[in-house]
Full PDB file with SEQRES, HELIX, SHEET, SSBOND, CRYST1, ORIGX, SCALE, CONECT and MASTER records, all heavy atoms in Angstrom:
SEQRES   1 A   40  ASN SER ASN VAL ALA GLU GLN ASP SER ARG TYR LEU GLU          
SEQRES   2 A   40  ALA MET LYS ARG ILE GLY GLU PHE LYS SER GLU ILE ASP          
SEQRES   3 A   40  ARG ILE TYR ASN GLY GLU CYS VAL ASP GLU LEU TYR GLU          
SEQRES   4 A   40  LYS                                                          
HELIX    1 AA1 ALA A    5  GLN A    7  5                                   3    
HELIX    2 AA2 SER A    9  TYR A   29  1                                  21    
HELIX    3 AA3 VAL A   34  GLU A   39  1                                   6    
CRYST1    1.000    1.000    1.000  90.00  90.00  90.00 P 1           1          
ORIGX1      1.000000  0.000000  0.000000        0.00000                         
ORIGX2      0.000000  1.000000  0.000000        0.00000                         
ORIGX3      0.000000  0.000000  1.000000        0.00000                         
SCALE1      1.000000  0.000000  0.000000        0.00000                         
SCALE2      0.000000  1.000000  0.000000        0.00000                         
SCALE3      0.000000  0.000000  1.000000        0.00000                         
ATOM      1  N   ASN A   1      54.082  41.115  14.832  1.00  0.00           N  
ATOM      2  CA  ASN A   1      55.168  40.445  14.112  1.00  0.00           C  
ATOM      3  C   ASN A   1      54.709  39.797  12.811  1.00  0.00           C  
ATOM      4  O   ASN A   1      55.521  39.260  12.070  1.00  0.00           O  
ATOM      5  CB  ASN A   1      55.828  39.395  15.008  1.00  0.00           C  
ATOM      6  CG  ASN A   1      56.544  40.031  16.174  1.00  0.00           C  
ATOM      7  OD1 ASN A   1      57.128  41.099  16.045  1.00  0.00           O  
ATOM      8  ND2 ASN A   1      56.470  39.390  17.330  1.00  0.00           N  
ATOM      9  N   SER A   2      53.422  39.841  12.541  1.00  0.00           N  
ATOM     10  CA  SER A   2      52.902  39.268  11.307  1.00  0.00           C  
ATOM     11  C   SER A   2      53.444  40.062  10.118  1.00  0.00           C  
ATOM     12  O   SER A   2      53.558  41.281  10.160  1.00  0.00           O  
ATOM     13  CB  SER A   2      51.371  39.334  11.311  1.00  0.00           C  
ATOM     14  OG  SER A   2      50.865  38.994  10.049  1.00  0.00           O  
ATOM     15  N   ASN A   3      53.754  39.361   9.047  1.00  0.00           N  
ATOM     16  CA  ASN A   3      54.269  40.050   7.858  1.00  0.00           C  
ATOM     17  C   ASN A   3      53.158  40.457   6.897  1.00  0.00           C  
ATOM     18  O   ASN A   3      53.433  40.938   5.811  1.00  0.00           O  
ATOM     19  CB  ASN A   3      55.315  39.188   7.150  1.00  0.00           C  
ATOM     20  CG  ASN A   3      54.721  37.919   6.567  1.00  0.00           C  
ATOM     21  OD1 ASN A   3      53.565  37.586   6.798  1.00  0.00           O  
ATOM     22  ND2 ASN A   3      55.526  37.199   5.818  1.00  0.00           N  
ATOM     23  N   VAL A   4      51.922  40.309   7.310  1.00  0.00           N  
ATOM     24  CA  VAL A   4      50.794  40.675   6.455  1.00  0.00           C  
ATOM     25  C   VAL A   4      50.835  42.169   6.129  1.00  0.00           C  
ATOM     26  O   VAL A   4      50.631  42.568   4.985  1.00  0.00           O  
ATOM     27  CB  VAL A   4      49.449  40.299   7.123  1.00  0.00           C  
ATOM     28  CG1 VAL A   4      48.274  40.801   6.305  1.00  0.00           C  
ATOM     29  CG2 VAL A   4      49.365  38.798   7.306  1.00  0.00           C  
ATOM     30  N   ALA A   5      51.119  43.002   7.122  1.00  0.00           N  
ATOM     31  CA  ALA A   5      51.181  44.442   6.894  1.00  0.00           C  
ATOM     32  C   ALA A   5      52.279  44.794   5.896  1.00  0.00           C  
ATOM     33  O   ALA A   5      52.128  45.723   5.101  1.00  0.00           O  
ATOM     34  CB  ALA A   5      51.416  45.181   8.208  1.00  0.00           C  
ATOM     35  N   GLU A   6      53.364  44.051   5.919  1.00  0.00           N  
ATOM     36  CA  GLU A   6      54.484  44.339   5.034  1.00  0.00           C  
ATOM     37  C   GLU A   6      54.198  43.991   3.577  1.00  0.00           C  
ATOM     38  O   GLU A   6      54.964  44.347   2.692  1.00  0.00           O  
ATOM     39  CB  GLU A   6      55.726  43.614   5.532  1.00  0.00           C  
ATOM     40  CG  GLU A   6      56.181  44.156   6.881  1.00  0.00           C  
ATOM     41  CD  GLU A   6      57.256  43.322   7.532  1.00  0.00           C  
ATOM     42  OE1 GLU A   6      57.744  42.364   6.902  1.00  0.00           O  
ATOM     43  OE2 GLU A   6      57.593  43.639   8.674  1.00  0.00           O  
ATOM     44  N   GLN A   7      53.095  43.314   3.338  1.00  0.00           N  
ATOM     45  CA  GLN A   7      52.694  43.001   1.968  1.00  0.00           C  
ATOM     46  C   GLN A   7      51.665  43.997   1.446  1.00  0.00           C  
ATOM     47  O   GLN A   7      51.305  43.966   0.274  1.00  0.00           O  
ATOM     48  CB  GLN A   7      52.136  41.574   1.909  1.00  0.00           C  
ATOM     49  CG  GLN A   7      53.170  40.537   2.273  1.00  0.00           C  
ATOM     50  CD  GLN A   7      52.582  39.151   2.435  1.00  0.00           C  
ATOM     51  OE1 GLN A   7      51.449  38.889   2.048  1.00  0.00           O  
ATOM     52  NE2 GLN A   7      53.346  38.257   3.015  1.00  0.00           N  
ATOM     53  N   ASP A   8      51.211  44.879   2.312  1.00  0.00           N  
ATOM     54  CA  ASP A   8      50.235  45.907   1.943  1.00  0.00           C  
ATOM     55  C   ASP A   8      50.886  46.903   0.984  1.00  0.00           C  
ATOM     56  O   ASP A   8      52.025  47.326   1.191  1.00  0.00           O  
ATOM     57  CB  ASP A   8      49.749  46.611   3.216  1.00  0.00           C  
ATOM     58  CG  ASP A   8      48.620  47.577   2.951  1.00  0.00           C  
ATOM     59  OD1 ASP A   8      48.872  48.614   2.308  1.00  0.00           O  
ATOM     60  OD2 ASP A   8      47.495  47.294   3.401  1.00  0.00           O  
ATOM     61  N   SER A   9      50.160  47.317  -0.043  1.00  0.00           N  
ATOM     62  CA  SER A   9      50.724  48.226  -1.051  1.00  0.00           C  
ATOM     63  C   SER A   9      51.117  49.575  -0.451  1.00  0.00           C  
ATOM     64  O   SER A   9      52.093  50.193  -0.891  1.00  0.00           O  
ATOM     65  CB  SER A   9      49.744  48.433  -2.209  1.00  0.00           C  
ATOM     66  OG  SER A   9      48.556  49.041  -1.735  1.00  0.00           O  
ATOM     67  N   ARG A  10      50.396  50.037   0.576  1.00  0.00           N  
ATOM     68  CA  ARG A  10      50.740  51.314   1.216  1.00  0.00           C  
ATOM     69  C   ARG A  10      52.079  51.198   1.937  1.00  0.00           C  
ATOM     70  O   ARG A  10      52.904  52.114   1.898  1.00  0.00           O  
ATOM     71  CB  ARG A  10      49.649  51.741   2.193  1.00  0.00           C  
ATOM     72  CG  ARG A  10      48.322  52.038   1.504  1.00  0.00           C  
ATOM     73  CD  ARG A  10      47.206  52.162   2.490  1.00  0.00           C  
ATOM     74  NE  ARG A  10      47.047  50.879   3.176  1.00  0.00           N  
ATOM     75  CZ  ARG A  10      46.372  50.704   4.306  1.00  0.00           C  
ATOM     76  NH1 ARG A  10      45.801  51.708   4.905  1.00  0.00           N  
ATOM     77  NH2 ARG A  10      46.261  49.510   4.842  1.00  0.00           N  
ATOM     78  N   TYR A  11      52.295  50.060   2.591  1.00  0.00           N  
ATOM     79  CA  TYR A  11      53.568  49.805   3.275  1.00  0.00           C  
ATOM     80  C   TYR A  11      54.699  49.773   2.250  1.00  0.00           C  
ATOM     81  O   TYR A  11      55.736  50.403   2.433  1.00  0.00           O  
ATOM     82  CB  TYR A  11      53.498  48.482   4.038  1.00  0.00           C  
ATOM     83  CG  TYR A  11      54.802  48.065   4.665  1.00  0.00           C  
ATOM     84  CD1 TYR A  11      55.095  48.400   5.981  1.00  0.00           C  
ATOM     85  CD2 TYR A  11      55.751  47.326   3.953  1.00  0.00           C  
ATOM     86  CE1 TYR A  11      56.293  48.025   6.571  1.00  0.00           C  
ATOM     87  CE2 TYR A  11      56.948  46.953   4.522  1.00  0.00           C  
ATOM     88  CZ  TYR A  11      57.209  47.299   5.831  1.00  0.00           C  
ATOM     89  OH  TYR A  11      58.405  46.929   6.403  1.00  0.00           O  
ATOM     90  N   LEU A  12      54.497  49.038   1.179  1.00  0.00           N  
ATOM     91  CA  LEU A  12      55.525  48.898   0.149  1.00  0.00           C  
ATOM     92  C   LEU A  12      55.860  50.238  -0.495  1.00  0.00           C  
ATOM     93  O   LEU A  12      57.029  50.543  -0.744  1.00  0.00           O  
ATOM     94  CB  LEU A  12      55.081  47.889  -0.908  1.00  0.00           C  
ATOM     95  CG  LEU A  12      54.913  46.442  -0.414  1.00  0.00           C  
ATOM     96  CD1 LEU A  12      54.268  45.582  -1.487  1.00  0.00           C  
ATOM     97  CD2 LEU A  12      56.251  45.869   0.025  1.00  0.00           C  
ATOM     98  N   GLU A  13      54.839  51.057  -0.751  1.00  0.00           N  
ATOM     99  CA  GLU A  13      55.069  52.374  -1.347  1.00  0.00           C  
ATOM    100  C   GLU A  13      55.845  53.266  -0.387  1.00  0.00           C  
ATOM    101  O   GLU A  13      56.775  53.976  -0.793  1.00  0.00           O  
ATOM    102  CB  GLU A  13      53.736  53.040  -1.731  1.00  0.00           C  
ATOM    103  CG  GLU A  13      53.893  54.411  -2.345  1.00  0.00           C  
ATOM    104  CD  GLU A  13      54.674  54.440  -3.655  1.00  0.00           C  
ATOM    105  OE1 GLU A  13      54.702  53.432  -4.386  1.00  0.00           O  
ATOM    106  OE2 GLU A  13      55.290  55.488  -3.946  1.00  0.00           O  
ATOM    107  N   ALA A  14      55.489  53.246   0.895  1.00  0.00           N  
ATOM    108  CA  ALA A  14      56.197  54.064   1.888  1.00  0.00           C  
ATOM    109  C   ALA A  14      57.663  53.621   1.993  1.00  0.00           C  
ATOM    110  O   ALA A  14      58.566  54.466   2.068  1.00  0.00           O  
ATOM    111  CB  ALA A  14      55.509  53.980   3.249  1.00  0.00           C  
ATOM    112  N   MET A  15      57.910  52.325   1.983  1.00  0.00           N  
ATOM    113  CA  MET A  15      59.285  51.827   2.055  1.00  0.00           C  
ATOM    114  C   MET A  15      60.079  52.244   0.809  1.00  0.00           C  
ATOM    115  O   MET A  15      61.254  52.607   0.911  1.00  0.00           O  
ATOM    116  CB  MET A  15      59.304  50.307   2.210  1.00  0.00           C  
ATOM    117  CG  MET A  15      58.825  49.835   3.570  1.00  0.00           C  
ATOM    118  SD  MET A  15      59.817  50.477   4.942  1.00  0.00           S  
ATOM    119  CE  MET A  15      61.359  49.644   4.674  1.00  0.00           C  
ATOM    120  N   LYS A  16      59.423  52.212  -0.337  1.00  0.00           N  
ATOM    121  CA  LYS A  16      60.076  52.637  -1.583  1.00  0.00           C  
ATOM    122  C   LYS A  16      60.466  54.111  -1.491  1.00  0.00           C  
ATOM    123  O   LYS A  16      61.583  54.495  -1.838  1.00  0.00           O  
ATOM    124  CB  LYS A  16      59.134  52.407  -2.763  1.00  0.00           C  
ATOM    125  CG  LYS A  16      59.679  52.870  -4.091  1.00  0.00           C  
ATOM    126  CD  LYS A  16      58.664  52.635  -5.204  1.00  0.00           C  
ATOM    127  CE  LYS A  16      59.120  53.330  -6.455  1.00  0.00           C  
ATOM    128  NZ  LYS A  16      58.029  53.851  -7.231  1.00  0.00           N  
ATOM    129  N   ARG A  17      59.540  54.944  -1.010  1.00  0.00           N  
ATOM    130  CA  ARG A  17      59.811  56.377  -0.878  1.00  0.00           C  
ATOM    131  C   ARG A  17      60.940  56.637   0.111  1.00  0.00           C  
ATOM    132  O   ARG A  17      61.799  57.475  -0.133  1.00  0.00           O  
ATOM    133  CB  ARG A  17      58.540  57.133  -0.449  1.00  0.00           C  
ATOM    134  CG  ARG A  17      57.450  57.158  -1.486  1.00  0.00           C  
ATOM    135  CD  ARG A  17      57.759  58.028  -2.675  1.00  0.00           C  
ATOM    136  NE  ARG A  17      57.794  59.427  -2.250  1.00  0.00           N  
ATOM    137  CZ  ARG A  17      58.553  60.356  -2.808  1.00  0.00           C  
ATOM    138  NH1 ARG A  17      59.326  60.074  -3.814  1.00  0.00           N  
ATOM    139  NH2 ARG A  17      58.534  61.592  -2.363  1.00  0.00           N  
ATOM    140  N   ILE A  18      60.949  55.896   1.217  1.00  0.00           N  
ATOM    141  CA  ILE A  18      62.028  56.057   2.200  1.00  0.00           C  
ATOM    142  C   ILE A  18      63.367  55.749   1.546  1.00  0.00           C  
ATOM    143  O   ILE A  18      64.346  56.471   1.741  1.00  0.00           O  
ATOM    144  CB  ILE A  18      61.782  55.182   3.446  1.00  0.00           C  
ATOM    145  CG1 ILE A  18      60.626  55.771   4.271  1.00  0.00           C  
ATOM    146  CG2 ILE A  18      63.048  55.066   4.294  1.00  0.00           C  
ATOM    147  CD1 ILE A  18      60.164  54.888   5.414  1.00  0.00           C  
ATOM    148  N   GLY A  19      63.424  54.690   0.762  1.00  0.00           N  
ATOM    149  CA  GLY A  19      64.655  54.351   0.049  1.00  0.00           C  
ATOM    150  C   GLY A  19      65.087  55.457  -0.898  1.00  0.00           C  
ATOM    151  O   GLY A  19      66.279  55.779  -1.000  1.00  0.00           O  
ATOM    152  N   GLU A  20      64.124  56.060  -1.589  1.00  0.00           N  
ATOM    153  CA  GLU A  20      64.438  57.173  -2.509  1.00  0.00           C  
ATOM    154  C   GLU A  20      64.976  58.373  -1.728  1.00  0.00           C  
ATOM    155  O   GLU A  20      65.952  59.005  -2.156  1.00  0.00           O  
ATOM    156  CB  GLU A  20      63.187  57.570  -3.292  1.00  0.00           C  
ATOM    157  CG  GLU A  20      62.735  56.519  -4.283  1.00  0.00           C  
ATOM    158  CD  GLU A  20      61.341  56.767  -4.847  1.00  0.00           C  
ATOM    159  OE1 GLU A  20      60.675  57.747  -4.421  1.00  0.00           O  
ATOM    160  OE2 GLU A  20      60.911  55.984  -5.697  1.00  0.00           O  
ATOM    161  N   PHE A  21      64.347  58.684  -0.597  1.00  0.00           N  
ATOM    162  CA  PHE A  21      64.805  59.815   0.209  1.00  0.00           C  
ATOM    163  C   PHE A  21      66.210  59.563   0.755  1.00  0.00           C  
ATOM    164  O   PHE A  21      67.062  60.454   0.740  1.00  0.00           O  
ATOM    165  CB  PHE A  21      63.847  60.092   1.370  1.00  0.00           C  
ATOM    166  CG  PHE A  21      62.496  60.611   0.951  1.00  0.00           C  
ATOM    167  CD1 PHE A  21      61.346  60.122   1.541  1.00  0.00           C  
ATOM    168  CD2 PHE A  21      62.363  61.592  -0.024  1.00  0.00           C  
ATOM    169  CE1 PHE A  21      60.096  60.600   1.181  1.00  0.00           C  
ATOM    170  CE2 PHE A  21      61.119  62.075  -0.397  1.00  0.00           C  
ATOM    171  CZ  PHE A  21      59.983  61.571   0.213  1.00  0.00           C  
ATOM    172  N   LYS A  22      66.458  58.344   1.218  1.00  0.00           N  
ATOM    173  CA  LYS A  22      67.800  58.020   1.729  1.00  0.00           C  
ATOM    174  C   LYS A  22      68.843  58.121   0.623  1.00  0.00           C  
ATOM    175  O   LYS A  22      69.967  58.569   0.856  1.00  0.00           O  
ATOM    176  CB  LYS A  22      67.808  56.627   2.364  1.00  0.00           C  
ATOM    177  CG  LYS A  22      67.095  56.581   3.696  1.00  0.00           C  
ATOM    178  CD  LYS A  22      67.146  55.197   4.297  1.00  0.00           C  
ATOM    179  CE  LYS A  22      66.510  55.171   5.662  1.00  0.00           C  
ATOM    180  NZ  LYS A  22      66.573  53.831   6.275  1.00  0.00           N  
ATOM    181  N   SER A  23      68.473  57.729  -0.583  1.00  0.00           N  
ATOM    182  CA  SER A  23      69.375  57.852  -1.723  1.00  0.00           C  
ATOM    183  C   SER A  23      69.695  59.324  -2.000  1.00  0.00           C  
ATOM    184  O   SER A  23      70.846  59.664  -2.312  1.00  0.00           O  
ATOM    185  CB  SER A  23      68.737  57.206  -2.955  1.00  0.00           C  
ATOM    186  OG  SER A  23      69.529  57.419  -4.085  1.00  0.00           O  
ATOM    187  N   GLU A  24      68.696  60.182  -1.863  1.00  0.00           N  
ATOM    188  CA  GLU A  24      68.929  61.613  -2.067  1.00  0.00           C  
ATOM    189  C   GLU A  24      69.894  62.159  -1.014  1.00  0.00           C  
ATOM    190  O   GLU A  24      70.771  62.963  -1.328  1.00  0.00           O  
ATOM    191  CB  GLU A  24      67.606  62.382  -2.031  1.00  0.00           C  
ATOM    192  CG  GLU A  24      66.750  62.105  -3.246  1.00  0.00           C  
ATOM    193  CD  GLU A  24      65.382  62.748  -3.175  1.00  0.00           C  
ATOM    194  OE1 GLU A  24      64.984  63.238  -2.100  1.00  0.00           O  
ATOM    195  OE2 GLU A  24      64.698  62.755  -4.217  1.00  0.00           O  
ATOM    196  N   ILE A  25      69.733  61.735   0.221  1.00  0.00           N  
ATOM    197  CA  ILE A  25      70.650  62.167   1.281  1.00  0.00           C  
ATOM    198  C   ILE A  25      72.069  61.699   0.965  1.00  0.00           C  
ATOM    199  O   ILE A  25      73.029  62.466   1.099  1.00  0.00           O  
ATOM    200  CB  ILE A  25      70.180  61.666   2.661  1.00  0.00           C  
ATOM    201  CG1 ILE A  25      68.906  62.424   3.083  1.00  0.00           C  
ATOM    202  CG2 ILE A  25      71.281  61.835   3.711  1.00  0.00           C  
ATOM    203  CD1 ILE A  25      68.242  61.889   4.330  1.00  0.00           C  
ATOM    204  N   ASP A  26      72.211  60.453   0.531  1.00  0.00           N  
ATOM    205  CA  ASP A  26      73.535  59.934   0.155  1.00  0.00           C  
ATOM    206  C   ASP A  26      74.141  60.767  -0.967  1.00  0.00           C  
ATOM    207  O   ASP A  26      75.345  61.053  -0.958  1.00  0.00           O  
ATOM    208  CB  ASP A  26      73.446  58.465  -0.276  1.00  0.00           C  
ATOM    209  CG  ASP A  26      73.181  57.521   0.875  1.00  0.00           C  
ATOM    210  OD1 ASP A  26      73.390  57.910   2.053  1.00  0.00           O  
ATOM    211  OD2 ASP A  26      72.741  56.383   0.606  1.00  0.00           O  
ATOM    212  N   ARG A  27      73.316  61.155  -1.937  1.00  0.00           N  
ATOM    213  CA  ARG A  27      73.810  61.975  -3.053  1.00  0.00           C  
ATOM    214  C   ARG A  27      74.318  63.325  -2.552  1.00  0.00           C  
ATOM    215  O   ARG A  27      75.322  63.831  -3.055  1.00  0.00           O  
ATOM    216  CB  ARG A  27      72.726  62.147  -4.110  1.00  0.00           C  
ATOM    217  CG  ARG A  27      72.500  60.854  -4.895  1.00  0.00           C  
ATOM    218  CD  ARG A  27      71.335  60.910  -5.845  1.00  0.00           C  
ATOM    219  NE  ARG A  27      71.309  62.083  -6.701  1.00  0.00           N  
ATOM    220  CZ  ARG A  27      70.196  62.564  -7.260  1.00  0.00           C  
ATOM    221  NH1 ARG A  27      69.039  61.983  -7.047  1.00  0.00           N  
ATOM    222  NH2 ARG A  27      70.251  63.628  -8.028  1.00  0.00           N  
ATOM    223  N   ILE A  28      73.634  63.905  -1.583  1.00  0.00           N  
ATOM    224  CA  ILE A  28      74.099  65.176  -1.021  1.00  0.00           C  
ATOM    225  C   ILE A  28      75.442  64.974  -0.339  1.00  0.00           C  
ATOM    226  O   ILE A  28      76.380  65.748  -0.548  1.00  0.00           O  
ATOM    227  CB  ILE A  28      73.061  65.769  -0.048  1.00  0.00           C  
ATOM    228  CG1 ILE A  28      71.822  66.228  -0.825  1.00  0.00           C  
ATOM    229  CG2 ILE A  28      73.663  66.938   0.747  1.00  0.00           C  
ATOM    230  CD1 ILE A  28      70.641  66.613   0.052  1.00  0.00           C  
ATOM    231  N   TYR A  29      75.562  63.922   0.479  1.00  0.00           N  
ATOM    232  CA  TYR A  29      76.831  63.656   1.153  1.00  0.00           C  
ATOM    233  C   TYR A  29      77.966  63.419   0.156  1.00  0.00           C  
ATOM    234  O   TYR A  29      79.108  63.797   0.405  1.00  0.00           O  
ATOM    235  CB  TYR A  29      76.716  62.448   2.088  1.00  0.00           C  
ATOM    236  CG  TYR A  29      76.076  62.755   3.407  1.00  0.00           C  
ATOM    237  CD1 TYR A  29      74.988  62.027   3.856  1.00  0.00           C  
ATOM    238  CD2 TYR A  29      76.557  63.768   4.246  1.00  0.00           C  
ATOM    239  CE1 TYR A  29      74.400  62.300   5.085  1.00  0.00           C  
ATOM    240  CE2 TYR A  29      75.985  64.046   5.462  1.00  0.00           C  
ATOM    241  CZ  TYR A  29      74.903  63.311   5.879  1.00  0.00           C  
ATOM    242  OH  TYR A  29      74.316  63.578   7.088  1.00  0.00           O  
ATOM    243  N   ASN A  30      77.637  62.804  -0.974  1.00  0.00           N  
ATOM    244  CA  ASN A  30      78.646  62.509  -1.990  1.00  0.00           C  
ATOM    245  C   ASN A  30      78.865  63.665  -2.965  1.00  0.00           C  
ATOM    246  O   ASN A  30      79.691  63.563  -3.866  1.00  0.00           O  
ATOM    247  CB  ASN A  30      78.251  61.253  -2.776  1.00  0.00           C  
ATOM    248  CG  ASN A  30      78.265  60.020  -1.905  1.00  0.00           C  
ATOM    249  OD1 ASN A  30      79.026  59.924  -0.941  1.00  0.00           O  
ATOM    250  ND2 ASN A  30      77.412  59.055  -2.232  1.00  0.00           N  
ATOM    251  N   GLY A  31      78.109  64.743  -2.811  1.00  0.00           N  
ATOM    252  CA  GLY A  31      78.257  65.904  -3.683  1.00  0.00           C  
ATOM    253  C   GLY A  31      77.740  65.678  -5.089  1.00  0.00           C  
ATOM    254  O   GLY A  31      78.148  66.354  -6.025  1.00  0.00           O  
ATOM    255  N   GLU A  32      76.815  64.740  -5.249  1.00  0.00           N  
ATOM    256  CA  GLU A  32      76.280  64.399  -6.573  1.00  0.00           C  
ATOM    257  C   GLU A  32      74.996  65.184  -6.851  1.00  0.00           C  
ATOM    258  O   GLU A  32      74.033  65.079  -6.097  1.00  0.00           O  
ATOM    259  CB  GLU A  32      75.963  62.905  -6.641  1.00  0.00           C  
ATOM    260  CG  GLU A  32      77.150  62.009  -6.404  1.00  0.00           C  
ATOM    261  CD  GLU A  32      76.750  60.556  -6.236  1.00  0.00           C  
ATOM    262  OE1 GLU A  32      75.574  60.211  -6.436  1.00  0.00           O  
ATOM    263  OE2 GLU A  32      77.632  59.766  -5.880  1.00  0.00           O  
ATOM    264  N   CYS A  33      74.981  65.938  -7.914  1.00  0.00           N  
ATOM    265  CA  CYS A  33      73.775  66.637  -8.378  1.00  0.00           C  
ATOM    266  C   CYS A  33      73.115  67.459  -7.276  1.00  0.00           C  
ATOM    267  O   CYS A  33      71.883  67.523  -7.192  1.00  0.00           O  
ATOM    268  CB  CYS A  33      72.760  65.646  -8.949  1.00  0.00           C  
ATOM    269  SG  CYS A  33      73.389  64.604 -10.255  1.00  0.00           S  
ATOM    270  N   VAL A  34      73.921  68.114  -6.441  1.00  0.00           N  
ATOM    271  CA  VAL A  34      73.337  68.816  -5.297  1.00  0.00           C  
ATOM    272  C   VAL A  34      72.441  69.976  -5.730  1.00  0.00           C  
ATOM    273  O   VAL A  34      71.398  70.197  -5.103  1.00  0.00           O  
ATOM    274  CB  VAL A  34      74.403  69.283  -4.284  1.00  0.00           C  
ATOM    275  CG1 VAL A  34      74.995  68.111  -3.540  1.00  0.00           C  
ATOM    276  CG2 VAL A  34      75.472  70.121  -4.934  1.00  0.00           C  
ATOM    277  N   ASP A  35      72.802  70.693  -6.769  1.00  0.00           N  
ATOM    278  CA  ASP A  35      71.942  71.798  -7.208  1.00  0.00           C  
ATOM    279  C   ASP A  35      70.565  71.281  -7.618  1.00  0.00           C  
ATOM    280  O   ASP A  35      69.541  71.881  -7.300  1.00  0.00           O  
ATOM    281  CB  ASP A  35      72.581  72.571  -8.357  1.00  0.00           C  
ATOM    282  CG  ASP A  35      73.779  73.395  -7.905  1.00  0.00           C  
ATOM    283  OD1 ASP A  35      73.860  73.730  -6.703  1.00  0.00           O  
ATOM    284  OD2 ASP A  35      74.637  73.695  -8.766  1.00  0.00           O  
ATOM    285  N   GLU A  36      70.551  70.149  -8.314  1.00  0.00           N  
ATOM    286  CA  GLU A  36      69.295  69.522  -8.716  1.00  0.00           C  
ATOM    287  C   GLU A  36      68.486  69.107  -7.484  1.00  0.00           C  
ATOM    288  O   GLU A  36      67.264  69.300  -7.429  1.00  0.00           O  
ATOM    289  CB  GLU A  36      69.602  68.296  -9.585  1.00  0.00           C  
ATOM    290  CG  GLU A  36      68.412  67.450  -9.942  1.00  0.00           C  
ATOM    291  CD  GLU A  36      68.848  66.174 -10.649  1.00  0.00           C  
ATOM    292  OE1 GLU A  36      69.696  66.258 -11.552  1.00  0.00           O  
ATOM    293  OE2 GLU A  36      68.335  65.108 -10.286  1.00  0.00           O  
ATOM    294  N   LEU A  37      69.154  68.556  -6.497  1.00  0.00           N  
ATOM    295  CA  LEU A  37      68.462  68.136  -5.281  1.00  0.00           C  
ATOM    296  C   LEU A  37      67.959  69.330  -4.475  1.00  0.00           C  
ATOM    297  O   LEU A  37      66.853  69.288  -3.926  1.00  0.00           O  
ATOM    298  CB  LEU A  37      69.368  67.258  -4.413  1.00  0.00           C  
ATOM    299  CG  LEU A  37      69.555  65.840  -4.918  1.00  0.00           C  
ATOM    300  CD1 LEU A  37      70.661  65.135  -4.161  1.00  0.00           C  
ATOM    301  CD2 LEU A  37      68.262  65.064  -4.826  1.00  0.00           C  
ATOM    302  N   TYR A  38      68.760  70.396  -4.396  1.00  0.00           N  
ATOM    303  CA  TYR A  38      68.306  71.599  -3.702  1.00  0.00           C  
ATOM    304  C   TYR A  38      67.027  72.123  -4.344  1.00  0.00           C  
ATOM    305  O   TYR A  38      66.090  72.529  -3.664  1.00  0.00           O  
ATOM    306  CB  TYR A  38      69.367  72.697  -3.726  1.00  0.00           C  
ATOM    307  CG  TYR A  38      70.636  72.403  -2.979  1.00  0.00           C  
ATOM    308  CD1 TYR A  38      71.815  73.038  -3.352  1.00  0.00           C  
ATOM    309  CD2 TYR A  38      70.684  71.507  -1.920  1.00  0.00           C  
ATOM    310  CE1 TYR A  38      73.009  72.797  -2.682  1.00  0.00           C  
ATOM    311  CE2 TYR A  38      71.870  71.253  -1.251  1.00  0.00           C  
ATOM    312  CZ  TYR A  38      73.025  71.898  -1.631  1.00  0.00           C  
ATOM    313  OH  TYR A  38      74.194  71.657  -0.970  1.00  0.00           O  
ATOM    314  N   GLU A  39      67.006  72.119  -5.676  1.00  0.00           N  
ATOM    315  CA  GLU A  39      65.823  72.582  -6.408  1.00  0.00           C  
ATOM    316  C   GLU A  39      64.613  71.697  -6.097  1.00  0.00           C  
ATOM    317  O   GLU A  39      63.506  72.185  -5.879  1.00  0.00           O  
ATOM    318  CB  GLU A  39      66.104  72.595  -7.915  1.00  0.00           C  
ATOM    319  CG  GLU A  39      64.923  72.966  -8.767  1.00  0.00           C  
ATOM    320  CD  GLU A  39      64.408  74.375  -8.539  1.00  0.00           C  
ATOM    321  OE1 GLU A  39      65.194  75.256  -8.136  1.00  0.00           O  
ATOM    322  OE2 GLU A  39      63.195  74.599  -8.743  1.00  0.00           O  
ATOM    323  N   LYS A  40      64.823  70.394  -6.069  1.00  0.00           N  
ATOM    324  CA  LYS A  40      63.731  69.458  -5.773  1.00  0.00           C  
ATOM    325  C   LYS A  40      63.209  69.677  -4.356  1.00  0.00           C  
ATOM    326  O   LYS A  40      62.000  69.688  -4.128  1.00  0.00           O  
ATOM    327  CB  LYS A  40      64.213  68.018  -5.944  1.00  0.00           C  
ATOM    328  CG  LYS A  40      63.116  66.995  -5.756  1.00  0.00           C  
ATOM    329  CD  LYS A  40      63.616  65.597  -6.055  1.00  0.00           C  
ATOM    330  CE  LYS A  40      62.491  64.592  -5.998  1.00  0.00           C  
ATOM    331  NZ  LYS A  40      62.974  63.244  -6.324  1.00  0.00           N  
TER     332      LYS A  40                                                      
MASTER        0    0    0    3    0    0    0    6  331    1    0    4          
END                                                                             
C-alpha cells in the first residue's frame, strides 16, 4: 500500500502509456481518426 512505487518513473511512464492507449480505444468507439489508428 506504500505510494513509493507510484512515484517511480517506470510506474508513471506505464500509467501515461495506459492512458494513451485508453484514449485510442475511445477514439475508435467515437469513430475519430480510425484510419490513422488502424495504421498505427
